[in-house]
Amino acid sequence: MITIDQIRAGRAMARLTQAQLAAEAGISTTAMNNIENGTDAKGSTLRAIQAALERAGIEFDADGLGVRLKPARAKAKEQ
């Protein structure tokens, strides 16, 4: 399961606002804000956020701690 830090980092790398990520994940902006501020979230909500970040080009390590922008997406963002 992804962590709050991974959500924040992934959102920043993908250059998404909380509102944009919330819309992509199918949750409210208020819920997104609450999650990033430490409110416990359901597993299904965290999976929806993770899926939305992955669609935006974010990868999560197998160990569950790291997060990065996929190399192809990183190059596109630089241009």
PDB file of N, CA and C in Angstrom:
ATOM      1  N   MET A   1       0.848  -1.175   0.000  1.00  0.00           N
ATOM      2  CA  MET A   1       0.000   0.000   0.000  1.00  0.00           C
ATOM      3  C   MET A   1       0.897   1.242   0.000  1.00  0.00           C
ATOM      4  N   ILE A   2       0.532   2.243  -0.787  1.00  0.00           N
ATOM      5  CA  ILE A   2       1.347   3.445  -0.861  1.00  0.00           C
ATOM      6  C   ILE A   2       1.188   4.289   0.407  1.00  0.00           C
ATOM      7  N   THR A   3       2.209   5.106   0.644  1.00  0.00           N
ATOM      8  CA  THR A   3       2.222   5.955   1.835  1.00  0.00           C
ATOM      9  C   THR A   3       1.843   7.386   1.469  1.00  0.00           C
ATOM     10  N   ILE A   4       1.587   8.170   2.490  1.00  0.00           N
ATOM     11  CA  ILE A   4       1.283   9.588   2.282  1.00  0.00           C
ATOM     12  C   ILE A   4       2.457  10.273   1.591  1.00  0.00           C
ATOM     13  N   ASP A   5       3.672   9.960   2.028  1.00  0.00           N
ATOM     14  CA  ASP A   5       4.858  10.567   1.414  1.00  0.00           C
ATOM     15  C   ASP A   5       4.963  10.211  -0.067  1.00  0.00           C
ATOM     16  N   GLN A   6       4.635   8.979  -0.413  1.00  0.00           N
ATOM     17  CA  GLN A   6       4.667   8.581  -1.818  1.00  0.00           C
ATOM     18  C   GLN A   6       3.594   9.319  -2.624  1.00  0.00           C
ATOM     19  N   ILE A   7       2.439   9.513  -2.031  1.00  0.00           N
ATOM     20  CA  ILE A   7       1.373  10.243  -2.716  1.00  0.00           C
ATOM     21  C   ILE A   7       1.824  11.672  -2.991  1.00  0.00           C
ATOM     22  N   ARG A   8       2.352  12.328  -1.967  1.00  0.00           N
ATOM     23  CA  ARG A   8       2.815  13.709  -2.131  1.00  0.00           C
ATOM     24  C   ARG A   8       3.918  13.805  -3.178  1.00  0.00           C
ATOM     25  N   ALA A   9       4.892  12.897  -3.079  1.00  0.00           N
ATOM     26  CA  ALA A   9       6.016  12.926  -4.016  1.00  0.00           C
ATOM     27  C   ALA A   9       5.552  12.632  -5.439  1.00  0.00           C
ATOM     28  N   GLY A  10       4.726  11.618  -5.589  1.00  0.00           N
ATOM     29  CA  GLY A  10       4.218  11.263  -6.913  1.00  0.00           C
ATOM     30  C   GLY A  10       3.405  12.376  -7.531  1.00  0.00           C
ATOM     31  N   ARG A  11       2.579  13.013  -6.722  1.00  0.00           N
ATOM     32  CA  ARG A  11       1.760  14.118  -7.220  1.00  0.00           C
ATOM     33  C   ARG A  11       2.646  15.274  -7.673  1.00  0.00           C
ATOM     34  N   ALA A  12       3.686  15.566  -6.898  1.00  0.00           N
ATOM     35  CA  ALA A  12       4.610  16.651  -7.263  1.00  0.00           C
ATOM     36  C   ALA A  12       5.367  16.315  -8.550  1.00  0.00           C
ATOM     37  N   MET A  13       5.851  15.089  -8.650  1.00  0.00           N
ATOM     38  CA  MET A  13       6.589  14.687  -9.849  1.00  0.00           C
ATOM     39  C   MET A  13       5.713  14.726 -11.091  1.00  0.00           C
ATOM     40  N   ALA A  14       4.451  14.352 -10.935  1.00  0.00           N
ATOM     41  CA  ALA A  14       3.524  14.351 -12.061  1.00  0.00           C
ATOM     42  C   ALA A  14       2.946  15.746 -12.324  1.00  0.00           C
ATOM     43  N   ARG A  15       3.295  16.680 -11.452  1.00  0.00           N
ATOM     44  CA  ARG A  15       2.817  18.069 -11.557  1.00  0.00           C
ATOM     45  C   ARG A  15       1.294  18.146 -11.551  1.00  0.00           C
ATOM     46  N   LEU A  16       0.717  17.428 -10.603  1.00  0.00           N
ATOM     47  CA  LEU A  16      -0.738  17.427 -10.437  1.00  0.00           C
ATOM     48  C   LEU A  16      -1.104  18.167  -9.164  1.00  0.00           C
ATOM     49  N   THR A  17      -2.180  18.915  -9.208  1.00  0.00           N
ATOM     50  CA  THR A  17      -2.720  19.511  -7.992  1.00  0.00           C
ATOM     51  C   THR A  17      -3.497  18.439  -7.244  1.00  0.00           C
ATOM     52  N   GLN A  18      -3.835  18.741  -5.998  1.00  0.00           N
ATOM     53  CA  GLN A  18      -4.670  17.800  -5.250  1.00  0.00           C
ATOM     54  C   GLN A  18      -5.993  17.586  -5.975  1.00  0.00           C
ATOM     55  N   ALA A  19      -6.557  18.653  -6.500  1.00  0.00           N
ATOM     56  CA  ALA A  19      -7.845  18.545  -7.195  1.00  0.00           C
ATOM     57  C   ALA A  19      -7.727  17.671  -8.442  1.00  0.00           C
ATOM     58  N   GLN A  20      -6.645  17.820  -9.187  1.00  0.00           N
ATOM     59  CA  GLN A  20      -6.460  17.010 -10.397  1.00  0.00           C
ATOM     60  C   GLN A  20      -6.302  15.536 -10.044  1.00  0.00           C
ATOM     61  N   LEU A  21      -5.465  15.251  -9.048  1.00  0.00           N
ATOM     62  CA  LEU A  21      -5.266  13.855  -8.656  1.00  0.00           C
ATOM     63  C   LEU A  21      -6.559  13.274  -8.096  1.00  0.00           C
ATOM     64  N   ALA A  22      -7.272  14.043  -7.302  1.00  0.00           N
ATOM     65  CA  ALA A  22      -8.538  13.571  -6.751  1.00  0.00           C
ATOM     66  C   ALA A  22      -9.501  13.204  -7.873  1.00  0.00           C
ATOM     67  N   ALA A  23      -9.609  14.066  -8.879  1.00  0.00           N
ATOM     68  CA  ALA A  23     -10.513  13.788 -10.008  1.00  0.00           C
ATOM     69  C   ALA A  23     -10.091  12.524 -10.738  1.00  0.00           C
ATOM     70  N   GLU A  24      -8.806  12.362 -10.962  1.00  0.00           N
ATOM     71  CA  GLU A  24      -8.300  11.160 -11.648  1.00  0.00           C
ATOM     72  C   GLU A  24      -8.546   9.891 -10.831  1.00  0.00           C
ATOM     73  N   ALA A  25      -8.511  10.021  -9.507  1.00  0.00           N
ATOM     74  CA  ALA A  25      -8.710   8.866  -8.628  1.00  0.00           C
ATOM     75  C   ALA A  25     -10.184   8.628  -8.314  1.00  0.00           C
ATOM     76  N   GLY A  26     -11.046   9.578  -8.685  1.00  0.00           N
ATOM     77  CA  GLY A  26     -12.470   9.418  -8.423  1.00  0.00           C
ATOM     78  C   GLY A  26     -12.874   9.695  -6.984  1.00  0.00           C
ATOM     79  N   ILE A  27     -12.117  10.592  -6.328  1.00  0.00           N
ATOM     80  CA  ILE A  27     -12.457  10.977  -4.954  1.00  0.00           C
ATOM     81  C   ILE A  27     -12.599  12.494  -4.894  1.00  0.00           C
ATOM     82  N   SER A  28     -13.086  12.992  -3.782  1.00  0.00           N
ATOM     83  CA  SER A  28     -13.248  14.444  -3.644  1.00  0.00           C
ATOM     84  C   SER A  28     -11.912  15.100  -3.308  1.00  0.00           C
ATOM     85  N   THR A  29     -11.834  16.377  -3.620  1.00  0.00           N
ATOM     86  CA  THR A  29     -10.631  17.141  -3.274  1.00  0.00           C
ATOM     87  C   THR A  29     -10.448  17.180  -1.762  1.00  0.00           C
ATOM     88  N   THR A  30     -11.547  17.269  -1.035  1.00  0.00           N
ATOM     89  CA  THR A  30     -11.474  17.266   0.426  1.00  0.00           C
ATOM     90  C   THR A  30     -10.879  15.958   0.934  1.00  0.00           C
ATOM     91  N   ALA A  31     -11.301  14.846   0.365  1.00  0.00           N
ATOM     92  CA  ALA A  31     -10.754  13.543   0.761  1.00  0.00           C
ATOM     93  C   ALA A  31      -9.261  13.481   0.452  1.00  0.00           C
ATOM     94  N   MET A  32      -8.857  13.989  -0.717  1.00  0.00           N
ATOM     95  CA  MET A  32      -7.440  13.991  -1.091  1.00  0.00           C
ATOM     96  C   MET A  32      -6.633  14.812  -0.099  1.00  0.00           C
ATOM     97  N   ASN A  33      -7.143  15.977   0.251  1.00  0.00           N
ATOM     98  CA  ASN A  33      -6.470  16.841   1.223  1.00  0.00           C
ATOM     99  C   ASN A  33      -6.364  16.146   2.569  1.00  0.00           C
ATOM    100  N   ASN A  34      -7.435  15.529   3.003  1.00  0.00           N
ATOM    101  CA  ASN A  34      -7.424  14.820   4.290  1.00  0.00           C
ATOM    102  C   ASN A  34      -6.411  13.686   4.294  1.00  0.00           C
ATOM    103  N   ILE A  35      -6.328  12.942   3.208  1.00  0.00           N
ATOM    104  CA  ILE A  35      -5.375  11.836   3.117  1.00  0.00           C
ATOM    105  C   ILE A  35      -3.949  12.365   3.204  1.00  0.00           C
ATOM    106  N   GLU A  36      -3.653  13.422   2.454  1.00  0.00           N
ATOM    107  CA  GLU A  36      -2.298  13.976   2.490  1.00  0.00           C
ATOM    108  C   GLU A  36      -1.961  14.597   3.840  1.00  0.00           C
ATOM    109  N   ASN A  37      -2.982  14.922   4.624  1.00  0.00           N
ATOM    110  CA  ASN A  37      -2.752  15.482   5.958  1.00  0.00           C
ATOM    111  C   ASN A  37      -2.792  14.422   7.052  1.00  0.00           C
ATOM    112  N   GLY A  38      -2.852  13.161   6.669  1.00  0.00           N
ATOM    113  CA  GLY A  38      -2.709  12.087   7.636  1.00  0.00           C
ATOM    114  C   GLY A  38      -3.958  11.347   8.049  1.00  0.00           C
ATOM    115  N   THR A  39      -5.108  11.698   7.490  1.00  0.00           N
ATOM    116  CA  THR A  39      -6.329  10.961   7.811  1.00  0.00           C
ATOM    117  C   THR A  39      -6.252   9.565   7.204  1.00  0.00           C
ATOM    118  N   ASP A  40      -6.614   8.572   7.966  1.00  0.00           N
ATOM    119  CA  ASP A  40      -6.598   7.204   7.453  1.00  0.00           C
ATOM    120  C   ASP A  40      -7.528   7.083   6.255  1.00  0.00           C
ATOM    121  N   ALA A  41      -7.070   6.324   5.283  1.00  0.00           N
ATOM    122  CA  ALA A  41      -7.866   6.105   4.075  1.00  0.00           C
ATOM    123  C   ALA A  41      -8.096   4.612   3.891  1.00  0.00           C
ATOM    124  N   LYS A  42      -9.190   4.284   3.249  1.00  0.00           N
ATOM    125  CA  LYS A  42      -9.488   2.890   2.918  1.00  0.00           C
ATOM    126  C   LYS A  42      -8.454   2.383   1.920  1.00  0.00           C
ATOM    127  N   GLY A  43      -8.221   1.103   1.955  1.00  0.00           N
ATOM    128  CA  GLY A  43      -7.316   0.487   0.996  1.00  0.00           C
ATOM    129  C   GLY A  43      -7.746   0.726  -0.436  1.00  0.00           C
ATOM    130  N   SER A  44      -9.045   0.681  -0.674  1.00  0.00           N
ATOM    131  CA  SER A  44      -9.548   0.886  -2.036  1.00  0.00           C
ATOM    132  C   SER A  44      -9.268   2.315  -2.512  1.00  0.00           C
ATOM    133  N   THR A  45      -9.327   3.274  -1.612  1.00  0.00           N
ATOM    134  CA  THR A  45      -9.031   4.664  -1.970  1.00  0.00           C
ATOM    135  C   THR A  45      -7.553   4.822  -2.297  1.00  0.00           C
ATOM    136  N   LEU A  46      -6.697   4.223  -1.484  1.00  0.00           N
ATOM    137  CA  LEU A  46      -5.254   4.302  -1.756  1.00  0.00           C
ATOM    138  C   LEU A  46      -4.909   3.608  -3.069  1.00  0.00           C
ATOM    139  N   ARG A  47      -5.573   2.498  -3.371  1.00  0.00           N
ATOM    140  CA  ARG A  47      -5.332   1.822  -4.645  1.00  0.00           C
ATOM    141  C   ARG A  47      -5.772   2.696  -5.816  1.00  0.00           C
ATOM    142  N   ALA A  48      -6.881   3.419  -5.652  1.00  0.00           N
ATOM    143  CA  ALA A  48      -7.355   4.316  -6.717  1.00  0.00           C
ATOM    144  C   ALA A  48      -6.376   5.461  -6.939  1.00  0.00           C
ATOM    145  N   ILE A  49      -5.817   5.996  -5.862  1.00  0.00           N
ATOM    146  CA  ILE A  49      -4.823   7.068  -5.969  1.00  0.00           C
ATOM    147  C   ILE A  49      -3.571   6.529  -6.643  1.00  0.00           C
ATOM    148  N   GLN A  50      -3.117   5.354  -6.230  1.00  0.00           N
ATOM    149  CA  GLN A  50      -1.934   4.754  -6.836  1.00  0.00           C
ATOM    150  C   GLN A  50      -2.147   4.529  -8.329  1.00  0.00           C
ATOM    151  N   ALA A  51      -3.291   4.008  -8.701  1.00  0.00           N
ATOM    152  CA  ALA A  51      -3.585   3.757 -10.117  1.00  0.00           C
ATOM    153  C   ALA A  51      -3.576   5.066 -10.904  1.00  0.00           C
ATOM    154  N   ALA A  52      -4.143   6.122 -10.323  1.00  0.00           N
ATOM    155  CA  ALA A  52      -4.163   7.424 -10.998  1.00  0.00           C
ATOM    156  C   ALA A  52      -2.746   7.958 -11.179  1.00  0.00           C
ATOM    157  N   LEU A  53      -1.914   7.795 -10.167  1.00  0.00           N
ATOM    158  CA  LEU A  53      -0.519   8.251 -10.281  1.00  0.00           C
ATOM    159  C   LEU A  53       0.242   7.424 -11.319  1.00  0.00           C
ATOM    160  N   GLU A  54      -0.009   6.136 -11.354  1.00  0.00           N
ATOM    161  CA  GLU A  54       0.652   5.283 -12.345  1.00  0.00           C
ATOM    162  C   GLU A  54       0.232   5.670 -13.759  1.00  0.00           C
ATOM    163  N   ARG A  55      -1.026   6.020 -13.955  1.00  0.00           N
ATOM    164  CA  ARG A  55      -1.475   6.490 -15.269  1.00  0.00           C
ATOM    165  C   ARG A  55      -0.787   7.804 -15.647  1.00  0.00           C
ATOM    166  N   ALA A  56      -0.398   8.578 -14.645  1.00  0.00           N
ATOM    167  CA  ALA A  56       0.290   9.852 -14.879  1.00  0.00           C
ATOM    168  C   ALA A  56       1.794   9.662 -15.070  1.00  0.00           C
ATOM    169  N   GLY A  57       2.251   8.404 -15.028  1.00  0.00           N
ATOM    170  CA  GLY A  57       3.661   8.119 -15.294  1.00  0.00           C
ATOM    171  C   GLY A  57       4.522   7.906 -14.075  1.00  0.00           C
ATOM    172  N   ILE A  58       3.918   7.679 -12.936  1.00  0.00           N
ATOM    173  CA  ILE A  58       4.672   7.456 -11.707  1.00  0.00           C
ATOM    174  C   ILE A  58       4.857   5.957 -11.488  1.00  0.00           C
ATOM    175  N   GLU A  59       6.064   5.590 -11.051  1.00  0.00           N
ATOM    176  CA  GLU A  59       6.371   4.195 -10.714  1.00  0.00           C
ATOM    177  C   GLU A  59       6.660   4.102  -9.230  1.00  0.00           C
ATOM    178  N   PHE A  60       6.279   2.985  -8.623  1.00  0.00           N
ATOM    179  CA  PHE A  60       6.551   2.722  -7.218  1.00  0.00           C
ATOM    180  C   PHE A  60       7.486   1.524  -7.134  1.00  0.00           C
ATOM    181  N   ASP A  61       8.494   1.573  -6.236  1.00  0.00           N
ATOM    182  CA  ASP A  61       9.426   0.448  -6.065  1.00  0.00           C
ATOM    183  C   ASP A  61       8.706  -0.773  -5.531  1.00  0.00           C
ATOM    184  N   ALA A  62       9.334  -1.896  -5.769  1.00  0.00           N
ATOM    185  CA  ALA A  62       8.799  -3.162  -5.270  1.00  0.00           C
ATOM    186  C   ALA A  62       8.809  -3.198  -3.740  1.00  0.00           C
ATOM    187  N   ASP A  63       9.780  -2.503  -3.112  1.00  0.00           N
ATOM    188  CA  ASP A  63       9.854  -2.517  -1.649  1.00  0.00           C
ATOM    189  C   ASP A  63       8.813  -1.607  -0.999  1.00  0.00           C
ATOM    190  N   GLY A  64       8.106  -0.846  -1.830  1.00  0.00           N
ATOM    191  CA  GLY A  64       7.041  -0.007  -1.312  1.00  0.00           C
ATOM    192  C   GLY A  64       7.468   1.304  -0.705  1.00  0.00           C
ATOM    193  N   LEU A  65       8.727   1.678  -0.874  1.00  0.00           N
ATOM    194  CA  LEU A  65       9.196   2.913  -0.255  1.00  0.00           C
ATOM    195  C   LEU A  65       9.481   4.030  -1.254  1.00  0.00           C
ATOM    196  N   GLY A  66       9.927   3.682  -2.443  1.00  0.00           N
ATOM    197  CA  GLY A  66      10.336   4.704  -3.400  1.00  0.00           C
ATOM    198  C   GLY A  66       9.272   5.042  -4.417  1.00  0.00           C
ATOM    199  N   VAL A  67       9.514   6.165  -5.088  1.00  0.00           N
ATOM    200  CA  VAL A  67       8.611   6.636  -6.123  1.00  0.00           C
ATOM    201  C   VAL A  67       9.453   7.417  -7.126  1.00  0.00           C
ATOM    202  N   ARG A  68       9.123   7.278  -8.411  1.00  0.00           N
ATOM    203  CA  ARG A  68       9.851   8.033  -9.424  1.00  0.00           C
ATOM    204  C   ARG A  68       8.980   8.231 -10.652  1.00  0.00           C
ATOM    205  N   LEU A  69       9.361   9.211 -11.439  1.00  0.00           N
ATOM    206  CA  LEU A  69       8.694   9.455 -12.708  1.00  0.00           C
ATOM    207  C   LEU A  69       9.327   8.522 -13.728  1.00  0.00           C
ATOM    208  N   LYS A  70       8.513   7.833 -14.510  1.00  0.00           N
ATOM    209  CA  LYS A  70       9.053   6.931 -15.522  1.00  0.00           C
ATOM    210  C   LYS A  70       9.989   7.713 -16.426  1.00  0.00           C
ATOM    211  N   PRO A  71      11.119   7.143 -16.804  1.00  0.00           N
ATOM    212  CA  PRO A  71      12.104   7.857 -17.614  1.00  0.00           C
ATOM    213  C   PRO A  71      11.544   8.527 -18.860  1.00  0.00           C
ATOM    214  N   ALA A  72      10.676   7.865 -19.607  1.00  0.00           N
ATOM    215  CA  ALA A  72      10.113   8.454 -20.819  1.00  0.00           C
ATOM    216  C   ALA A  72       9.270   9.686 -20.485  1.00  0.00           C
ATOM    217  N   ARG A  73       8.537   9.634 -19.382  1.00  0.00           N
ATOM    218  CA  ARG A  73       7.709  10.762 -18.971  1.00  0.00           C
ATOM    219  C   ARG A  73       8.582  11.917 -18.487  1.00  0.00           C
ATOM    220  N   ALA A  74       9.690  11.598 -17.811  1.00  0.00           N
ATOM    221  CA  ALA A  74      10.587  12.635 -17.315  1.00  0.00           C
ATOM    222  C   ALA A  74      11.169  13.432 -18.474  1.00  0.00           C
ATOM    223  N   LYS A  75      11.561  12.760 -19.538  1.00  0.00           N
ATOM    224  CA  LYS A  75      12.104  13.449 -20.708  1.00  0.00           C
ATOM    225  C   LYS A  75      11.057  14.349 -21.357  1.00  0.00           C
ATOM    226  N   ALA A  76       9.832  13.869 -21.435  1.00  0.00           N
ATOM    227  CA  ALA A  76       8.749  14.656 -22.019  1.00  0.00           C
ATOM    228  C   ALA A  76       8.466  15.905 -21.192  1.00  0.00           C
ATOM    229  N   LYS A  77       8.560  15.802 -19.872  1.00  0.00           N
ATOM    230  CA  LYS A  77       8.307  16.943 -18.997  1.00  0.00           C
ATOM    231  C   LYS A  77       9.395  18.008 -19.145  1.00  0.00           C
ATOM    232  N   GLU A  78      10.632  17.584 -19.476  1.00  0.00           N
ATOM    233  CA  GLU A  78      11.744  18.511 -19.635  1.00  0.00           C
ATOM    234  C   GLU A  78      11.584  19.346 -20.891  1.00  0.00           C
ATOM    235  N   GLN A  79      10.917  18.824 -21.901  1.00  0.00           N
ATOM    236  CA  GLN A  79      10.811  19.522 -23.178  1.00  0.00           C
ATOM    237  C   GLN A  79       9.759  20.580 -23.194  1.00  0.00           C
TER     238      GLN A  79
END
